[in-house]
Amino acid sequence: MILVGALLVAPATGAAATGTTTAGATAIGTTATGATAAAAPYCGITWGSQPRTVAGMSTAQVAGVRTGRHSCFDRLVIDVNGDAGGYTVRYVKHVRHDASGKIIPTKGGAALQLTVNDPGDTYRPAHPTNLSDVTGYRTFRQVVFAGAFEGYTSFGLGVRARLPFRVFVLDGPGTGSRVVVDVAHQW
C-alpha cells in the first residue's frame, strides 16, 4: 500500500487495478467513508448569493446602464461619470422604487435590488422598465430603473432564479468608473 495524502492507495496491480479495493485500502477519488468527492463549482464560481455592501458616497452622477453575456455569467454595468461611491446589492422579494417604496414588477424567478451611492438626478432613461434588451440571456430577464433619491440611485434586475453573484468597481473609461454585477448562469 502507498500513502497519498490521507488516502491509502493500492498499487496498480491485482484487485485494486480493476476498481475493487482490498481490505483497509481506499480508492482514489473517494473518502474513507466511501462518498464520492464533491463536484467542482460551476466555472470555478464560488460567489454565493448573500448581500454585498461597500460604504462610501460620491457626487459622481450615474451616466448609463448596459449589459453583456459571458460564457459563465451575465453582466450588468452601471457607468458613473467619476469615482463611484459604495453600493448595496441583494436579493429581495420585490424591487421597490427609491423614493416612494412602490413595487416595480420584474420578470424572472428572483430579483436583485442594486443601489449605488451615486446620484442619478440627471439619469433619465427612455424606457425605465426595460433599460437593456436581455432577450436570449441565460440568467437576466429584465433590467429596471428604480429611481434616484437623496444621493442614491437604484436598479432592479429580474433573474431566472436566485443564483450566485459578485459586485466590483472598475476604473474608466477616462475619468469615469463602472459598478459591475455578474450573475452566474447556475450554481
N, C-alpha and C. Protein backbone atom coordinates (compact mmCIF):
# COMPACT_ATOMS: atom_id res chain seq x y z
N MET A 1 0.83 -1.18 0.00
CA MET A 1 0.00 0.00 0.00
C MET A 1 0.88 1.25 0.00
N ILE A 2 0.37 2.31 -0.62
CA ILE A 2 1.09 3.58 -0.70
C ILE A 2 0.22 4.65 -0.05
N LEU A 3 0.80 5.49 0.79
CA LEU A 3 0.06 6.57 1.44
C LEU A 3 0.15 7.80 0.56
N VAL A 4 -1.02 8.32 0.06
CA VAL A 4 -1.08 9.53 -0.76
C VAL A 4 -1.96 10.51 0.00
N GLY A 5 -1.38 11.57 0.56
CA GLY A 5 -2.16 12.48 1.40
C GLY A 5 -2.73 11.70 2.55
N ALA A 6 -4.06 11.73 2.68
CA ALA A 6 -4.72 10.97 3.73
C ALA A 6 -5.34 9.69 3.18
N LEU A 7 -5.04 9.38 1.89
CA LEU A 7 -5.63 8.21 1.26
C LEU A 7 -4.61 7.09 1.18
N LEU A 8 -5.05 5.89 1.40
CA LEU A 8 -4.22 4.72 1.24
C LEU A 8 -4.56 4.13 -0.12
N VAL A 9 -3.57 3.97 -0.99
CA VAL A 9 -3.83 3.53 -2.36
C VAL A 9 -3.09 2.23 -2.62
N ALA A 10 -3.80 1.28 -3.19
CA ALA A 10 -3.18 0.01 -3.55
C ALA A 10 -2.38 0.19 -4.83
N PRO A 11 -1.30 -0.56 -5.02
CA PRO A 11 -0.54 -0.49 -6.26
C PRO A 11 -1.43 -0.83 -7.45
N ALA A 12 -1.00 -0.43 -8.65
CA ALA A 12 -1.82 -0.59 -9.85
C ALA A 12 -1.79 -2.01 -10.39
N THR A 13 -1.78 -2.99 -9.54
CA THR A 13 -1.85 -4.39 -9.97
C THR A 13 -2.87 -5.09 -9.12
N GLY A 14 -3.29 -6.24 -9.55
CA GLY A 14 -4.20 -7.05 -8.75
C GLY A 14 -5.60 -6.46 -8.68
N ALA A 15 -6.28 -6.74 -7.56
CA ALA A 15 -7.69 -6.37 -7.40
C ALA A 15 -7.90 -4.87 -7.51
N ALA A 16 -7.01 -4.03 -6.98
CA ALA A 16 -7.23 -2.59 -6.99
C ALA A 16 -7.20 -2.02 -8.40
N ALA A 17 -6.47 -2.63 -9.30
CA ALA A 17 -6.39 -2.13 -10.67
C ALA A 17 -7.72 -2.31 -11.40
N THR A 18 -8.57 -3.20 -10.96
CA THR A 18 -9.84 -3.42 -11.62
C THR A 18 -10.96 -2.60 -11.02
N GLY A 19 -10.65 -1.72 -10.07
CA GLY A 19 -11.68 -0.87 -9.48
C GLY A 19 -12.18 -1.36 -8.15
N THR A 20 -11.73 -2.53 -7.69
CA THR A 20 -12.12 -3.00 -6.37
C THR A 20 -11.00 -2.68 -5.39
N THR A 21 -11.31 -2.67 -4.13
CA THR A 21 -10.28 -2.37 -3.13
C THR A 21 -10.08 -3.56 -2.23
N THR A 22 -8.91 -3.63 -1.70
CA THR A 22 -8.63 -4.68 -0.73
C THR A 22 -8.92 -4.15 0.66
N ALA A 23 -9.00 -4.99 1.62
CA ALA A 23 -9.31 -4.57 2.98
C ALA A 23 -8.35 -3.50 3.44
N GLY A 24 -8.88 -2.40 3.98
CA GLY A 24 -8.07 -1.32 4.52
C GLY A 24 -7.62 -0.30 3.49
N ALA A 25 -7.86 -0.50 2.21
CA ALA A 25 -7.45 0.46 1.18
C ALA A 25 -8.64 1.31 0.76
N THR A 26 -8.36 2.52 0.35
CA THR A 26 -9.40 3.41 -0.13
C THR A 26 -9.06 3.79 -1.56
N ALA A 27 -10.01 3.67 -2.49
CA ALA A 27 -9.77 4.01 -3.89
C ALA A 27 -9.59 5.52 -4.04
N ILE A 28 -8.76 5.94 -4.99
CA ILE A 28 -8.57 7.36 -5.27
C ILE A 28 -9.90 7.94 -5.73
N GLY A 29 -10.23 9.16 -5.25
CA GLY A 29 -11.49 9.80 -5.63
C GLY A 29 -12.61 9.56 -4.64
N THR A 30 -12.37 8.76 -3.61
CA THR A 30 -13.38 8.57 -2.59
C THR A 30 -12.77 8.88 -1.24
N THR A 31 -13.61 9.20 -0.30
CA THR A 31 -13.15 9.45 1.05
C THR A 31 -13.17 8.16 1.83
N ALA A 32 -12.66 8.19 3.02
CA ALA A 32 -12.64 6.99 3.86
C ALA A 32 -14.05 6.49 4.15
N THR A 33 -15.07 7.34 4.02
CA THR A 33 -16.45 6.92 4.28
C THR A 33 -17.11 6.35 3.04
N GLY A 34 -16.40 6.41 1.88
CA GLY A 34 -16.95 5.83 0.67
C GLY A 34 -17.71 6.83 -0.18
N ALA A 35 -17.92 8.06 0.28
CA ALA A 35 -18.64 9.07 -0.51
C ALA A 35 -17.73 9.58 -1.62
N THR A 36 -18.31 9.92 -2.74
CA THR A 36 -17.50 10.44 -3.84
C THR A 36 -17.09 11.86 -3.54
N ALA A 37 -16.00 12.30 -4.14
CA ALA A 37 -15.50 13.66 -3.94
C ALA A 37 -16.52 14.66 -4.46
N ALA A 38 -16.59 15.83 -3.83
CA ALA A 38 -17.53 16.88 -4.24
C ALA A 38 -17.20 17.36 -5.64
N ALA A 39 -18.23 17.67 -6.40
CA ALA A 39 -18.05 18.19 -7.75
C ALA A 39 -17.46 19.60 -7.69
N ALA A 40 -16.69 19.95 -8.68
CA ALA A 40 -16.10 21.29 -8.75
C ALA A 40 -17.21 22.31 -8.98
N PRO A 41 -17.05 23.55 -8.49
CA PRO A 41 -18.07 24.56 -8.70
C PRO A 41 -18.20 24.91 -10.18
N TYR A 42 -19.38 25.32 -10.59
CA TYR A 42 -19.66 25.72 -11.97
C TYR A 42 -18.69 26.82 -12.39
N CYS A 43 -17.91 26.60 -13.42
CA CYS A 43 -16.94 27.57 -13.96
C CYS A 43 -15.98 28.09 -12.90
N GLY A 44 -15.84 27.36 -11.80
CA GLY A 44 -14.96 27.82 -10.72
C GLY A 44 -15.58 28.92 -9.87
N ILE A 45 -16.86 29.22 -10.08
CA ILE A 45 -17.54 30.31 -9.37
C ILE A 45 -17.84 29.90 -7.93
N THR A 46 -17.41 30.73 -6.99
CA THR A 46 -17.65 30.49 -5.56
C THR A 46 -18.24 31.74 -4.91
N TRP A 47 -19.04 32.50 -5.62
CA TRP A 47 -19.51 33.81 -5.17
C TRP A 47 -20.55 33.78 -4.07
N GLY A 48 -21.55 32.93 -4.15
CA GLY A 48 -22.64 32.94 -3.19
C GLY A 48 -23.74 33.93 -3.56
N SER A 49 -24.78 33.99 -2.74
CA SER A 49 -25.92 34.85 -3.06
C SER A 49 -26.30 35.78 -1.90
N GLN A 50 -25.40 35.98 -0.96
CA GLN A 50 -25.67 36.87 0.17
C GLN A 50 -25.46 38.34 -0.24
N PRO A 51 -26.08 39.28 0.49
CA PRO A 51 -25.95 40.71 0.15
C PRO A 51 -24.49 41.17 0.14
N ARG A 52 -24.21 42.13 -0.73
CA ARG A 52 -22.88 42.74 -0.81
C ARG A 52 -23.05 44.24 -0.58
N THR A 53 -22.28 44.80 0.34
CA THR A 53 -22.35 46.23 0.64
C THR A 53 -20.95 46.79 0.79
N VAL A 54 -20.71 47.94 0.17
CA VAL A 54 -19.49 48.71 0.34
C VAL A 54 -19.91 50.13 0.68
N ALA A 55 -19.40 50.68 1.79
CA ALA A 55 -19.75 52.03 2.22
C ALA A 55 -19.05 53.07 1.35
N GLY A 56 -19.53 54.29 1.42
CA GLY A 56 -18.90 55.40 0.70
C GLY A 56 -19.92 56.09 -0.19
N MET A 57 -19.82 57.41 -0.23
CA MET A 57 -20.71 58.22 -1.07
C MET A 57 -19.87 58.93 -2.12
N SER A 58 -20.53 59.33 -3.19
CA SER A 58 -19.87 60.05 -4.27
C SER A 58 -20.83 61.09 -4.83
N THR A 59 -20.28 62.12 -5.41
CA THR A 59 -21.13 63.11 -6.11
C THR A 59 -21.13 62.85 -7.60
N ALA A 60 -20.37 61.84 -8.06
CA ALA A 60 -20.35 61.49 -9.48
C ALA A 60 -21.72 60.95 -9.88
N GLN A 61 -22.21 61.37 -11.03
CA GLN A 61 -23.55 61.01 -11.49
C GLN A 61 -23.56 59.68 -12.24
N VAL A 62 -24.66 58.93 -12.07
CA VAL A 62 -24.90 57.73 -12.88
C VAL A 62 -25.13 58.20 -14.31
N ALA A 63 -24.39 57.61 -15.25
CA ALA A 63 -24.45 58.05 -16.65
C ALA A 63 -25.15 57.05 -17.57
N GLY A 64 -25.21 55.78 -17.19
CA GLY A 64 -25.84 54.80 -18.06
C GLY A 64 -25.76 53.40 -17.50
N VAL A 65 -26.50 52.51 -18.16
CA VAL A 65 -26.55 51.10 -17.77
C VAL A 65 -26.45 50.27 -19.04
N ARG A 66 -25.68 49.21 -18.97
CA ARG A 66 -25.57 48.29 -20.10
C ARG A 66 -25.38 46.87 -19.59
N THR A 67 -25.59 45.92 -20.47
CA THR A 67 -25.48 44.51 -20.10
C THR A 67 -24.62 43.76 -21.11
N GLY A 68 -24.15 42.58 -20.71
CA GLY A 68 -23.39 41.72 -21.60
C GLY A 68 -23.51 40.28 -21.19
N ARG A 69 -23.24 39.41 -22.15
CA ARG A 69 -23.30 37.97 -21.91
C ARG A 69 -21.90 37.39 -21.95
N HIS A 70 -21.62 36.49 -21.02
CA HIS A 70 -20.34 35.79 -20.95
C HIS A 70 -20.62 34.30 -20.87
N SER A 71 -19.61 33.48 -21.02
CA SER A 71 -19.84 32.03 -21.06
C SER A 71 -20.36 31.47 -19.74
N CYS A 72 -20.02 32.08 -18.60
CA CYS A 72 -20.43 31.54 -17.30
C CYS A 72 -21.40 32.43 -16.53
N PHE A 73 -21.60 33.68 -16.98
CA PHE A 73 -22.44 34.62 -16.25
C PHE A 73 -22.96 35.71 -17.19
N ASP A 74 -24.00 36.41 -16.74
CA ASP A 74 -24.49 37.62 -17.40
C ASP A 74 -23.99 38.80 -16.59
N ARG A 75 -23.71 39.93 -17.27
CA ARG A 75 -23.10 41.09 -16.60
C ARG A 75 -23.95 42.34 -16.79
N LEU A 76 -24.10 43.09 -15.68
CA LEU A 76 -24.73 44.42 -15.69
C LEU A 76 -23.65 45.43 -15.31
N VAL A 77 -23.56 46.52 -16.07
CA VAL A 77 -22.58 47.57 -15.80
C VAL A 77 -23.32 48.89 -15.62
N ILE A 78 -23.04 49.56 -14.49
CA ILE A 78 -23.59 50.89 -14.23
C ILE A 78 -22.43 51.87 -14.40
N ASP A 79 -22.53 52.73 -15.42
CA ASP A 79 -21.49 53.71 -15.70
C ASP A 79 -21.69 54.95 -14.83
N VAL A 80 -20.59 55.42 -14.25
CA VAL A 80 -20.61 56.61 -13.39
C VAL A 80 -19.58 57.59 -13.96
N ASN A 81 -19.92 58.90 -14.00
CA ASN A 81 -19.03 59.87 -14.64
C ASN A 81 -17.97 60.43 -13.69
N GLY A 82 -17.43 59.63 -12.84
CA GLY A 82 -16.38 59.98 -11.88
C GLY A 82 -16.10 58.75 -11.03
N ASP A 83 -15.50 58.97 -9.87
CA ASP A 83 -15.24 57.85 -8.97
C ASP A 83 -16.53 57.37 -8.33
N ALA A 84 -16.83 56.08 -8.48
CA ALA A 84 -18.06 55.51 -7.91
C ALA A 84 -17.97 55.50 -6.39
N GLY A 85 -19.12 55.71 -5.76
CA GLY A 85 -19.20 55.58 -4.31
C GLY A 85 -19.40 54.12 -3.96
N GLY A 86 -20.05 53.85 -2.87
CA GLY A 86 -20.32 52.47 -2.46
C GLY A 86 -21.53 51.91 -3.17
N TYR A 87 -21.98 50.75 -2.69
CA TYR A 87 -23.14 50.10 -3.29
C TYR A 87 -23.71 49.08 -2.31
N THR A 88 -24.95 48.69 -2.58
CA THR A 88 -25.59 47.56 -1.90
C THR A 88 -26.31 46.76 -2.98
N VAL A 89 -26.05 45.47 -3.03
CA VAL A 89 -26.72 44.58 -3.97
C VAL A 89 -27.22 43.39 -3.16
N ARG A 90 -28.53 43.09 -3.31
CA ARG A 90 -29.09 41.99 -2.53
C ARG A 90 -30.35 41.46 -3.20
N TYR A 91 -30.62 40.19 -2.93
CA TYR A 91 -31.88 39.60 -3.39
C TYR A 91 -33.01 40.14 -2.53
N VAL A 92 -34.13 40.47 -3.17
CA VAL A 92 -35.30 40.99 -2.49
C VAL A 92 -36.55 40.26 -2.99
N LYS A 93 -37.60 40.32 -2.18
CA LYS A 93 -38.88 39.74 -2.61
C LYS A 93 -39.45 40.56 -3.76
N HIS A 94 -39.36 41.89 -3.63
CA HIS A 94 -39.84 42.81 -4.67
C HIS A 94 -38.85 43.96 -4.80
N VAL A 95 -38.59 44.38 -6.04
CA VAL A 95 -37.81 45.60 -6.27
C VAL A 95 -38.74 46.77 -5.95
N ARG A 96 -38.22 47.75 -5.20
CA ARG A 96 -39.02 48.91 -4.80
C ARG A 96 -38.40 50.20 -5.28
N HIS A 97 -39.26 51.14 -5.65
CA HIS A 97 -38.82 52.47 -6.06
C HIS A 97 -38.19 53.18 -4.87
N ASP A 98 -37.05 53.87 -5.12
CA ASP A 98 -36.31 54.54 -4.05
C ASP A 98 -37.15 55.49 -3.21
N ALA A 99 -37.79 56.44 -3.83
CA ALA A 99 -38.48 57.48 -3.07
C ALA A 99 -39.83 57.03 -2.51
N SER A 100 -40.63 56.34 -3.33
CA SER A 100 -42.00 56.02 -2.92
C SER A 100 -42.13 54.66 -2.23
N GLY A 101 -41.22 53.74 -2.47
CA GLY A 101 -41.35 52.39 -1.94
C GLY A 101 -42.30 51.52 -2.76
N LYS A 102 -42.82 52.09 -3.84
CA LYS A 102 -43.75 51.37 -4.72
C LYS A 102 -43.04 50.16 -5.34
N ILE A 103 -43.75 49.02 -5.41
CA ILE A 103 -43.20 47.81 -6.01
C ILE A 103 -43.09 48.00 -7.53
N ILE A 104 -41.94 47.61 -8.06
CA ILE A 104 -41.71 47.62 -9.50
C ILE A 104 -41.63 46.17 -9.95
N PRO A 105 -42.63 45.68 -10.68
CA PRO A 105 -42.62 44.28 -11.10
C PRO A 105 -41.39 43.97 -11.97
N THR A 106 -40.80 42.79 -11.77
CA THR A 106 -39.70 42.34 -12.59
C THR A 106 -39.97 40.90 -13.02
N LYS A 107 -39.51 40.58 -14.22
CA LYS A 107 -39.65 39.23 -14.75
C LYS A 107 -38.60 38.32 -14.12
N GLY A 108 -38.92 37.03 -14.05
CA GLY A 108 -37.96 36.05 -13.55
C GLY A 108 -38.40 35.44 -12.24
N GLY A 109 -37.62 34.47 -11.80
CA GLY A 109 -37.91 33.75 -10.56
C GLY A 109 -37.33 34.41 -9.33
N ALA A 110 -36.45 35.42 -9.50
CA ALA A 110 -35.84 36.12 -8.36
C ALA A 110 -35.51 37.54 -8.81
N ALA A 111 -35.29 38.42 -7.83
CA ALA A 111 -34.99 39.82 -8.14
C ALA A 111 -33.84 40.32 -7.27
N LEU A 112 -32.94 41.05 -7.90
CA LEU A 112 -31.85 41.73 -7.21
C LEU A 112 -32.14 43.22 -7.20
N GLN A 113 -32.00 43.86 -6.04
CA GLN A 113 -32.08 45.32 -5.94
C GLN A 113 -30.65 45.82 -5.85
N LEU A 114 -30.28 46.75 -6.74
CA LEU A 114 -28.93 47.31 -6.79
C LEU A 114 -29.04 48.79 -6.47
N THR A 115 -28.35 49.23 -5.45
CA THR A 115 -28.33 50.65 -5.10
C THR A 115 -26.89 51.11 -5.11
N VAL A 116 -26.61 52.13 -5.94
CA VAL A 116 -25.27 52.71 -5.97
C VAL A 116 -25.33 54.03 -5.20
N ASN A 117 -24.26 54.33 -4.46
CA ASN A 117 -24.23 55.53 -3.64
C ASN A 117 -23.70 56.71 -4.46
N ASP A 118 -24.36 56.89 -5.59
CA ASP A 118 -24.06 57.96 -6.54
C ASP A 118 -25.39 58.55 -6.99
N PRO A 119 -25.48 59.87 -7.10
CA PRO A 119 -26.74 60.46 -7.52
C PRO A 119 -27.09 60.12 -8.96
N GLY A 120 -28.37 60.03 -9.21
CA GLY A 120 -28.86 59.76 -10.56
C GLY A 120 -29.82 60.84 -11.00
N ASP A 121 -29.65 62.04 -10.46
CA ASP A 121 -30.58 63.14 -10.75
C ASP A 121 -30.66 63.47 -12.23
N THR A 122 -29.56 63.28 -12.95
CA THR A 122 -29.55 63.60 -14.38
C THR A 122 -29.78 62.38 -15.26
N TYR A 123 -29.91 61.21 -14.66
CA TYR A 123 -30.13 59.98 -15.42
C TYR A 123 -31.61 59.83 -15.73
N ARG A 124 -31.96 59.92 -16.99
CA ARG A 124 -33.36 59.84 -17.43
C ARG A 124 -33.49 58.81 -18.55
N PRO A 125 -33.65 57.53 -18.21
CA PRO A 125 -33.74 56.51 -19.26
C PRO A 125 -35.03 56.63 -20.06
N ALA A 126 -34.94 56.33 -21.34
CA ALA A 126 -36.12 56.39 -22.22
C ALA A 126 -37.15 55.33 -21.85
N HIS A 127 -36.68 54.17 -21.40
CA HIS A 127 -37.57 53.06 -21.05
C HIS A 127 -37.19 52.53 -19.67
N PRO A 128 -37.69 53.15 -18.58
CA PRO A 128 -37.27 52.77 -17.23
C PRO A 128 -37.57 51.32 -16.83
N THR A 129 -38.54 50.68 -17.47
CA THR A 129 -38.86 49.29 -17.13
C THR A 129 -38.16 48.30 -18.06
N ASN A 130 -37.33 48.81 -18.94
CA ASN A 130 -36.58 47.95 -19.85
C ASN A 130 -35.31 48.68 -20.27
N LEU A 131 -34.34 48.76 -19.35
CA LEU A 131 -33.12 49.53 -19.59
C LEU A 131 -32.21 48.89 -20.63
N SER A 132 -32.30 47.57 -20.77
CA SER A 132 -31.45 46.86 -21.72
C SER A 132 -32.21 45.66 -22.24
N ASP A 133 -32.06 45.39 -23.52
CA ASP A 133 -32.71 44.21 -24.10
C ASP A 133 -31.92 42.97 -23.71
N VAL A 134 -32.50 42.15 -22.84
CA VAL A 134 -31.81 40.95 -22.37
C VAL A 134 -32.41 39.68 -22.98
N THR A 135 -33.08 39.83 -24.10
CA THR A 135 -33.61 38.68 -24.81
C THR A 135 -32.46 37.73 -25.17
N GLY A 136 -32.62 36.47 -24.86
CA GLY A 136 -31.60 35.48 -25.17
C GLY A 136 -30.53 35.30 -24.11
N TYR A 137 -30.57 36.10 -23.05
CA TYR A 137 -29.61 35.94 -21.96
C TYR A 137 -29.98 34.68 -21.17
N ARG A 138 -28.99 33.99 -20.64
CA ARG A 138 -29.26 32.76 -19.88
C ARG A 138 -29.80 33.05 -18.48
N THR A 139 -29.40 34.16 -17.85
CA THR A 139 -29.80 34.45 -16.48
C THR A 139 -30.69 35.68 -16.36
N PHE A 140 -30.35 36.77 -17.02
CA PHE A 140 -31.12 38.02 -16.91
C PHE A 140 -32.47 37.89 -17.60
N ARG A 141 -33.50 38.48 -16.97
CA ARG A 141 -34.84 38.52 -17.55
C ARG A 141 -35.34 39.94 -17.77
N GLN A 142 -34.86 40.91 -16.94
CA GLN A 142 -35.31 42.30 -17.07
C GLN A 142 -34.42 43.21 -16.23
N VAL A 143 -34.15 44.40 -16.76
CA VAL A 143 -33.40 45.41 -16.03
C VAL A 143 -34.28 46.65 -15.93
N VAL A 144 -34.53 47.14 -14.69
CA VAL A 144 -35.42 48.29 -14.49
C VAL A 144 -34.72 49.38 -13.69
N PHE A 145 -35.15 50.61 -13.91
CA PHE A 145 -34.69 51.76 -13.13
C PHE A 145 -35.63 51.89 -11.95
N ALA A 146 -35.09 51.96 -10.73
CA ALA A 146 -35.91 52.03 -9.52
C ALA A 146 -35.81 53.40 -8.84
N GLY A 147 -35.27 54.39 -9.54
CA GLY A 147 -35.30 55.76 -9.03
C GLY A 147 -34.00 56.25 -8.43
N ALA A 148 -33.99 57.56 -8.21
CA ALA A 148 -32.86 58.24 -7.58
C ALA A 148 -33.42 59.12 -6.48
N PHE A 149 -32.79 59.05 -5.29
CA PHE A 149 -33.31 59.79 -4.15
C PHE A 149 -32.19 60.04 -3.16
N GLU A 150 -31.98 61.31 -2.81
CA GLU A 150 -31.02 61.73 -1.79
C GLU A 150 -29.62 61.14 -1.97
N GLY A 151 -29.12 61.18 -3.20
CA GLY A 151 -27.76 60.74 -3.48
C GLY A 151 -27.59 59.27 -3.78
N TYR A 152 -28.68 58.52 -3.80
CA TYR A 152 -28.63 57.09 -4.10
C TYR A 152 -29.41 56.85 -5.40
N THR A 153 -28.97 55.88 -6.18
CA THR A 153 -29.67 55.51 -7.41
C THR A 153 -29.86 54.00 -7.39
N SER A 154 -31.09 53.57 -7.69
CA SER A 154 -31.40 52.13 -7.60
C SER A 154 -31.89 51.55 -8.91
N PHE A 155 -31.60 50.27 -9.05
CA PHE A 155 -32.00 49.49 -10.22
C PHE A 155 -32.52 48.15 -9.74
N GLY A 156 -33.33 47.52 -10.58
CA GLY A 156 -33.80 46.17 -10.30
C GLY A 156 -33.35 45.25 -11.41
N LEU A 157 -33.02 44.04 -11.04
CA LEU A 157 -32.58 43.06 -12.01
C LEU A 157 -33.38 41.79 -11.80
N GLY A 158 -34.27 41.50 -12.75
CA GLY A 158 -35.02 40.24 -12.72
C GLY A 158 -34.14 39.15 -13.29
N VAL A 159 -33.98 38.06 -12.53
CA VAL A 159 -33.13 36.95 -12.96
C VAL A 159 -33.93 35.64 -12.94
N ARG A 160 -33.41 34.66 -13.65
CA ARG A 160 -34.09 33.38 -13.80
C ARG A 160 -34.36 32.71 -12.46
N ALA A 161 -33.39 32.77 -11.53
CA ALA A 161 -33.50 32.14 -10.21
C ALA A 161 -32.50 32.82 -9.28
N ARG A 162 -32.58 32.51 -8.01
CA ARG A 162 -31.58 33.04 -7.06
C ARG A 162 -30.26 32.32 -7.31
N LEU A 163 -29.33 33.04 -7.90
CA LEU A 163 -28.06 32.47 -8.34
C LEU A 163 -26.90 33.26 -7.73
N PRO A 164 -25.70 32.69 -7.72
CA PRO A 164 -24.54 33.40 -7.17
C PRO A 164 -24.26 34.69 -7.96
N PHE A 165 -23.78 35.72 -7.25
CA PHE A 165 -23.40 36.95 -7.93
C PHE A 165 -22.18 37.56 -7.25
N ARG A 166 -21.52 38.45 -7.98
CA ARG A 166 -20.41 39.23 -7.43
C ARG A 166 -20.57 40.66 -7.88
N VAL A 167 -19.95 41.58 -7.12
CA VAL A 167 -20.01 43.01 -7.42
C VAL A 167 -18.62 43.58 -7.24
N PHE A 168 -18.22 44.46 -8.15
CA PHE A 168 -16.92 45.14 -8.02
C PHE A 168 -16.95 46.43 -8.83
N VAL A 169 -15.96 47.29 -8.60
CA VAL A 169 -15.87 48.57 -9.28
C VAL A 169 -14.61 48.57 -10.14
N LEU A 170 -14.73 49.07 -11.37
CA LEU A 170 -13.60 49.21 -12.29
C LEU A 170 -13.41 50.69 -12.63
N ASP A 171 -12.17 51.11 -12.77
CA ASP A 171 -11.87 52.46 -13.24
C ASP A 171 -12.07 52.55 -14.74
N GLY A 172 -12.39 53.79 -15.19
CA GLY A 172 -12.50 54.07 -16.62
C GLY A 172 -13.88 53.76 -17.15
N PRO A 173 -14.13 54.10 -18.37
CA PRO A 173 -13.20 54.76 -19.28
C PRO A 173 -12.95 56.22 -18.89
N GLY A 174 -11.83 56.74 -19.27
CA GLY A 174 -11.47 58.12 -18.94
C GLY A 174 -11.44 58.34 -17.44
N THR A 175 -12.12 59.39 -16.99
CA THR A 175 -12.16 59.70 -15.55
C THR A 175 -13.35 59.05 -14.86
N GLY A 176 -14.14 58.27 -15.60
CA GLY A 176 -15.31 57.61 -15.05
C GLY A 176 -14.96 56.30 -14.35
N SER A 177 -15.99 55.60 -13.92
CA SER A 177 -15.83 54.28 -13.32
C SER A 177 -17.08 53.46 -13.60
N ARG A 178 -17.03 52.20 -13.24
CA ARG A 178 -18.14 51.28 -13.51
C ARG A 178 -18.39 50.39 -12.31
N VAL A 179 -19.64 50.27 -11.91
CA VAL A 179 -20.05 49.29 -10.91
C VAL A 179 -20.53 48.08 -11.71
N VAL A 180 -19.91 46.93 -11.46
CA VAL A 180 -20.18 45.72 -12.26
C VAL A 180 -20.85 44.68 -11.38
N VAL A 181 -21.94 44.08 -11.90
CA VAL A 181 -22.63 43.00 -11.21
C VAL A 181 -22.69 41.81 -12.17
N ASP A 182 -22.06 40.71 -11.78
CA ASP A 182 -22.10 39.48 -12.57
C ASP A 182 -22.99 38.48 -11.84
N VAL A 183 -23.90 37.83 -12.58
CA VAL A 183 -24.77 36.80 -12.00
C VAL A 183 -24.52 35.51 -12.78
N ALA A 184 -24.14 34.46 -12.06
CA ALA A 184 -23.80 33.18 -12.68
C ALA A 184 -25.01 32.56 -13.37
N HIS A 185 -24.73 31.72 -14.36
CA HIS A 185 -25.80 31.01 -15.06
C HIS A 185 -26.38 29.87 -14.23
N GLN A 186 -25.59 29.34 -13.30
CA GLN A 186 -26.07 28.26 -12.42
C GLN A 186 -25.14 28.16 -11.21
N TRP A 187 -25.52 27.33 -10.26
CA TRP A 187 -24.70 27.09 -9.06
C TRP A 187 -23.56 26.20 -9.41
